[in-house]
Amino acid sequence: MNWRIRTGSLSLDETVLMGIVNVTPDSFSDGGSFLDPDQAVAHARRLVDEGAHLVDVGGESTRPGAEPVPEAEELRRVIPVVRELAASGVRVSIDTRKPKVAEAALEAGAVVINDVSGLTDPAMRRLAAESGAGVVVMHMKGDPRTMQSQAVYTDVVAEVADFLRRRAEEAVAEGVHPEAVCVDPGIGFGKTTEHNLLLLRDLPAIVALGYPVLVGTSRKSFLGAITGRENPADRDLATAVTVALAVERGAHAVRVHDVAAAREAAAVAAAIVRAAP
């Protein structure tokens, strides 16, 4: 299986590592650390050196309770970073819900649109279809300001799988290439700790949709609830455990802050899965 992106494709024979670059003052883990474009670019290059196949650049925090960022400000934050990274050969995904930000990022050289709203905006679906970019279709209830108040499900795994199936099919029907679609169950986005654990335990139900699956657990609060680690930066070991579990259960890609640790965790899990009898 390959994941089709704007400049070709990514092989899924090994776990695709998506490194996180938050060009924001308020992201839950590293907000403010890489707000300066030069710092963001330097950090992204470190992630590539650690093994990142893609660098995910975002200019609007999507942590629970986050306020939306004006389009002009989001553009100001991300476009210089995307442009410089792409010009040096780094594969960039743009983490945005705004079609105009995604369009400008693609023009600057991005190859993937990572949309936490699940391509709900028709303009985003049209852009994805016309540009040939890879897309990440993620599940989220509501928006970052309201999502945790809407974390109510009868069967979280079935409902998330149904949402992703419908959104992916809708995108394909509107011209997005089927092999360009990757789905993400949206760990932490409108889910309780129990919901997150169920989605990870039953990840094969998401894999069964037939699209590449991206899992993003990195440093999230449910890991802090389990381990007692209050500082998100202290949750990389717990994140690596979830990376290994996700790979064992069929995930094709992971979105992480600590790429080096995730690379080792994914490699060990894949070796166990593929061990000859």
Protein backbone atom coordinates (compact mmCIF):
# COMPACT_ATOMS: atom_id res chain seq x y z
CA MET A 1 0.00 0.00 0.00
CA ASN A 2 1.12 3.53 -0.83
CA TRP A 3 -0.21 6.89 0.30
CA ARG A 4 -0.52 9.18 -2.71
CA ILE A 5 0.66 12.74 -2.02
CA ARG A 6 1.07 15.76 -4.24
CA THR A 7 4.59 14.96 -5.39
CA GLY A 8 4.26 11.20 -5.73
CA SER A 9 3.62 8.68 -2.97
CA LEU A 10 4.84 7.49 0.39
CA SER A 11 5.46 3.79 0.83
CA LEU A 12 3.56 2.26 3.72
CA ASP A 13 5.90 -0.72 3.93
CA GLU A 14 7.29 1.07 6.99
CA THR A 15 5.47 3.33 9.42
CA VAL A 16 5.21 6.89 8.13
CA LEU A 17 6.48 9.29 10.79
CA MET A 18 4.85 12.72 10.83
CA GLY A 19 6.78 15.20 12.97
CA ILE A 20 4.90 18.04 14.67
CA VAL A 21 5.89 21.69 14.23
CA ASN A 22 3.52 24.04 16.05
CA VAL A 23 4.04 27.64 14.94
CA THR A 24 1.74 28.81 17.72
CA PRO A 25 1.93 30.57 21.10
CA ASP A 26 -0.66 28.32 22.76
CA SER A 27 -0.35 24.68 21.72
CA PHE A 28 -0.69 22.37 24.73
CA SER A 29 2.83 20.91 24.59
CA ASP A 30 5.26 23.29 22.89
CA GLY A 31 3.27 26.49 22.36
CA GLY A 32 5.60 29.44 21.82
CA SER A 33 8.72 27.33 21.38
CA PHE A 34 8.75 27.62 17.59
CA LEU A 35 6.76 30.78 16.92
CA ASP A 36 9.81 32.35 15.29
CA PRO A 37 10.04 31.02 11.69
CA ASP A 38 13.77 30.34 11.93
CA GLN A 39 13.27 28.29 15.10
CA ALA A 40 10.40 26.40 13.49
CA VAL A 41 12.46 25.57 10.41
CA ALA A 42 15.42 24.46 12.50
CA HIS A 43 13.18 22.24 14.62
CA ALA A 44 11.57 20.73 11.52
CA ARG A 45 14.97 19.87 10.11
CA ARG A 46 15.91 18.17 13.38
CA LEU A 47 12.76 16.05 13.09
CA VAL A 48 13.74 15.07 9.54
CA ASP A 49 17.21 14.13 10.76
CA GLU A 50 15.52 11.91 13.37
CA GLY A 51 13.58 10.12 10.64
CA ALA A 52 10.43 12.11 9.94
CA HIS A 53 8.95 11.39 6.51
CA LEU A 54 6.62 14.38 6.77
CA VAL A 55 6.68 17.55 8.83
CA ASP A 56 3.23 18.77 9.92
CA VAL A 57 3.19 22.57 10.20
CA GLY A 58 0.30 24.19 12.04
CA GLY A 59 -0.44 27.80 12.94
CA GLU A 60 -3.62 27.33 14.98
CA SER A 61 -3.77 25.38 18.21
CA THR A 62 -6.46 22.71 18.29
CA ARG A 63 -6.06 21.84 21.98
CA PRO A 64 -9.32 21.58 23.95
CA GLY A 65 -10.77 25.02 24.52
CA ALA A 66 -8.53 26.76 21.99
CA GLU A 67 -9.84 29.92 20.36
CA PRO A 68 -9.77 30.18 16.56
CA VAL A 69 -6.99 32.16 14.88
CA PRO A 70 -7.80 34.74 12.18
CA GLU A 71 -6.94 33.53 8.69
CA ALA A 72 -4.41 36.32 8.07
CA GLU A 73 -2.54 35.51 11.27
CA GLU A 74 -2.45 31.79 10.52
CA LEU A 75 -1.06 32.55 7.06
CA ARG A 76 1.56 34.86 8.55
CA ARG A 77 2.72 32.13 10.90
CA VAL A 78 2.90 29.13 8.59
CA ILE A 79 3.66 30.20 5.03
CA PRO A 80 7.29 31.32 5.55
CA VAL A 81 7.99 28.03 7.34
CA VAL A 82 6.31 25.90 4.69
CA ARG A 83 8.05 27.74 1.88
CA GLU A 84 11.55 27.41 3.32
CA LEU A 85 11.14 23.76 4.25
CA ALA A 86 9.64 22.78 0.91
CA ALA A 87 12.37 24.64 -0.96
CA SER A 88 14.97 22.51 0.83
CA GLY A 89 13.23 19.27 -0.10
CA VAL A 90 11.31 18.57 3.11
CA ARG A 91 7.87 17.02 2.63
CA VAL A 92 5.40 19.28 4.42
CA SER A 93 1.82 18.69 5.50
CA ILE A 94 -0.26 21.71 6.46
CA ASP A 95 -2.34 21.32 9.61
CA THR A 96 -5.32 23.61 9.02
CA ARG A 97 -9.11 23.76 8.83
CA LYS A 98 -9.09 26.77 6.50
CA PRO A 99 -9.16 26.21 2.71
CA LYS A 100 -7.35 29.47 1.95
CA VAL A 101 -4.53 28.60 4.33
CA ALA A 102 -4.29 25.13 2.79
CA GLU A 103 -4.26 26.62 -0.71
CA ALA A 104 -1.48 29.07 0.15
CA ALA A 105 0.52 26.31 1.81
CA LEU A 106 0.19 24.09 -1.25
CA GLU A 107 1.36 26.97 -3.43
CA ALA A 108 4.35 27.31 -1.06
CA GLY A 109 5.17 23.63 -1.54
CA ALA A 110 3.13 21.55 0.93
CA VAL A 111 2.14 18.08 -0.28
CA VAL A 112 -0.50 17.00 2.30
CA ILE A 113 -3.55 18.68 3.85
CA ASN A 114 -4.10 17.56 7.46
CA ASP A 115 -7.64 18.71 8.28
CA VAL A 116 -8.83 18.06 11.83
CA SER A 117 -12.38 18.97 10.79
CA GLY A 118 -12.52 15.96 8.45
CA LEU A 119 -12.89 17.82 5.12
CA THR A 120 -16.32 19.08 6.19
CA ASP A 121 -15.84 22.29 4.17
CA PRO A 122 -16.72 21.69 0.48
CA ALA A 123 -14.03 24.20 -0.52
CA MET A 124 -11.41 22.03 1.19
CA ARG A 125 -12.62 18.95 -0.67
CA ARG A 126 -12.47 20.82 -3.98
CA LEU A 127 -8.96 22.04 -3.21
CA ALA A 128 -7.82 18.54 -2.33
CA ALA A 129 -9.27 17.17 -5.54
CA GLU A 130 -7.86 19.89 -7.79
CA SER A 131 -4.39 19.98 -6.22
CA GLY A 132 -3.75 16.25 -6.00
CA ALA A 133 -2.56 16.65 -2.42
CA GLY A 134 -2.66 13.83 0.07
CA VAL A 135 -5.33 14.37 2.73
CA VAL A 136 -5.78 13.35 6.34
CA VAL A 137 -9.47 13.08 7.22
CA MET A 138 -9.81 13.25 11.00
CA HIS A 139 -12.77 12.70 13.32
CA MET A 140 -13.70 15.50 15.71
CA LYS A 141 -16.97 16.39 17.38
CA GLY A 142 -17.71 20.11 17.24
CA ASP A 143 -14.62 22.32 17.23
CA PRO A 144 -11.67 22.71 19.60
CA ARG A 145 -13.58 25.19 21.77
CA THR A 146 -16.52 22.84 22.33
CA MET A 147 -15.37 19.31 21.54
CA GLN A 148 -14.79 18.04 25.07
CA SER A 149 -18.34 19.02 26.07
CA GLN A 150 -19.61 16.83 23.21
CA ALA A 151 -17.72 13.66 24.12
CA VAL A 152 -20.84 11.48 24.24
CA TYR A 153 -21.14 8.25 22.21
CA THR A 154 -23.21 5.09 22.23
CA ASP A 155 -20.39 3.13 20.53
CA VAL A 156 -17.36 5.36 20.01
CA VAL A 157 -15.50 2.96 17.70
CA ALA A 158 -18.47 2.32 15.41
CA GLU A 159 -19.44 6.00 15.30
CA VAL A 160 -15.92 7.20 14.53
CA ALA A 161 -15.48 4.52 11.86
CA ASP A 162 -18.81 5.47 10.26
CA PHE A 163 -17.88 9.17 10.23
CA LEU A 164 -14.51 8.47 8.60
CA ARG A 165 -16.03 6.15 6.03
CA ARG A 166 -18.67 8.71 5.03
CA ARG A 167 -16.23 11.61 4.87
CA ALA A 168 -13.68 9.63 2.86
CA GLU A 169 -16.32 8.41 0.42
CA GLU A 170 -17.64 11.94 0.04
CA ALA A 171 -14.15 13.25 -0.74
CA VAL A 172 -13.55 10.53 -3.30
CA ALA A 173 -16.94 11.18 -4.92
CA GLU A 174 -15.90 14.81 -5.35
CA GLY A 175 -12.64 13.99 -7.08
CA VAL A 176 -10.06 13.20 -4.41
CA HIS A 177 -8.02 10.18 -5.51
CA PRO A 178 -8.85 7.17 -3.29
CA GLU A 179 -5.16 6.50 -2.68
CA ALA A 180 -4.68 10.09 -1.47
CA VAL A 181 -6.98 9.58 1.51
CA CYS A 182 -5.64 8.78 4.98
CA VAL A 183 -7.99 8.60 7.98
CA ASP A 184 -7.38 9.55 11.60
CA PRO A 185 -9.67 8.55 14.51
CA GLY A 186 -8.88 11.83 16.26
CA ILE A 187 -7.51 10.64 19.58
CA GLY A 188 -8.23 13.35 22.17
CA PHE A 189 -10.57 15.33 19.94
CA GLY A 190 -13.93 15.20 21.66
CA LYS A 191 -13.12 11.96 23.50
CA THR A 192 -12.66 10.96 27.12
CA THR A 193 -9.75 8.84 28.31
CA GLU A 194 -11.95 5.75 28.02
CA HIS A 195 -12.95 6.66 24.44
CA ASN A 196 -9.30 7.07 23.48
CA LEU A 197 -8.39 3.70 24.97
CA LEU A 198 -11.25 1.96 23.19
CA LEU A 199 -10.23 3.48 19.86
CA LEU A 200 -6.67 2.28 20.33
CA ARG A 201 -7.76 -1.16 21.49
CA ASP A 202 -10.16 -1.59 18.57
CA LEU A 203 -8.06 0.20 15.96
CA PRO A 204 -8.48 -2.72 13.50
CA ALA A 205 -12.07 -1.53 12.99
CA ILE A 206 -10.67 1.73 11.59
CA VAL A 207 -8.00 -0.10 9.55
CA ALA A 208 -10.78 -2.23 8.04
CA LEU A 209 -12.10 0.85 6.22
CA GLY A 210 -9.34 0.21 3.69
CA TYR A 211 -7.54 3.57 3.89
CA PRO A 212 -4.15 4.27 5.46
CA VAL A 213 -4.64 5.10 9.14
CA LEU A 214 -2.83 7.89 10.99
CA VAL A 215 -2.79 7.86 14.79
CA GLY A 216 -1.92 10.93 16.87
CA THR A 217 -1.51 10.27 20.59
CA SER A 218 1.61 12.32 21.19
CA ARG A 219 1.83 13.77 24.72
CA LYS A 220 -1.96 14.00 25.02
CA SER A 221 -3.78 14.46 28.30
CA PHE A 222 -5.16 10.92 28.51
CA LEU A 223 -1.57 9.71 28.79
CA GLY A 224 -1.06 12.13 31.66
CA ALA A 225 -4.21 10.82 33.32
CA ILE A 226 -2.85 7.27 33.13
CA THR A 227 0.78 7.96 34.10
CA GLY A 228 0.41 10.95 36.41
CA ARG A 229 2.75 12.98 34.20
CA GLU A 230 1.39 16.52 34.34
CA ASN A 231 3.96 18.05 31.99
CA PRO A 232 3.19 17.05 28.38
CA ALA A 233 6.90 16.97 27.55
CA ASP A 234 7.29 14.13 30.08
CA ARG A 235 4.88 11.86 28.18
CA ASP A 236 7.14 10.72 25.35
CA LEU A 237 7.70 7.27 26.86
CA ALA A 238 3.95 6.76 27.19
CA THR A 239 3.55 8.04 23.63
CA ALA A 240 6.07 5.48 22.37
CA VAL A 241 4.02 2.70 23.98
CA THR A 242 0.92 3.86 22.09
CA VAL A 243 2.92 4.10 18.87
CA ALA A 244 4.02 0.47 19.22
CA LEU A 245 0.48 -0.63 20.01
CA ALA A 246 -0.97 1.32 17.08
CA VAL A 247 1.53 -0.20 14.65
CA GLU A 248 0.82 -3.69 16.00
CA ARG A 249 -2.89 -3.06 15.39
CA GLY A 250 -2.45 -1.89 11.83
CA ALA A 251 -1.71 1.86 11.87
CA HIS A 252 0.28 3.05 8.87
CA ALA A 253 1.39 6.46 10.18
CA VAL A 254 1.87 8.26 13.49
CA ARG A 255 1.99 11.97 14.31
CA VAL A 256 4.51 12.69 17.08
CA HIS A 257 6.66 15.30 18.80
CA ASP A 258 9.56 12.91 19.52
CA VAL A 259 10.31 11.32 16.16
CA ALA A 260 13.39 9.40 17.27
CA ALA A 261 11.55 7.53 20.03
CA ALA A 262 8.56 6.85 17.77
CA ARG A 263 10.83 5.52 15.02
CA GLU A 264 12.34 2.93 17.38
CA ALA A 265 8.98 1.97 18.88
CA ALA A 266 7.43 1.53 15.43
CA ALA A 267 10.40 -0.49 14.17
CA VAL A 268 10.26 -2.91 17.10
CA ALA A 269 6.49 -3.36 16.81
CA ALA A 270 6.71 -3.93 13.05
CA ALA A 271 9.51 -6.49 13.50
CA ILE A 272 7.37 -8.44 15.97
CA VAL A 273 4.33 -8.35 13.68
CA ARG A 274 6.35 -9.51 10.68
CA ALA A 275 8.41 -12.16 12.45
CA ALA A 276 8.47 -15.41 10.51
CA PRO A 277 6.77 -18.38 12.22
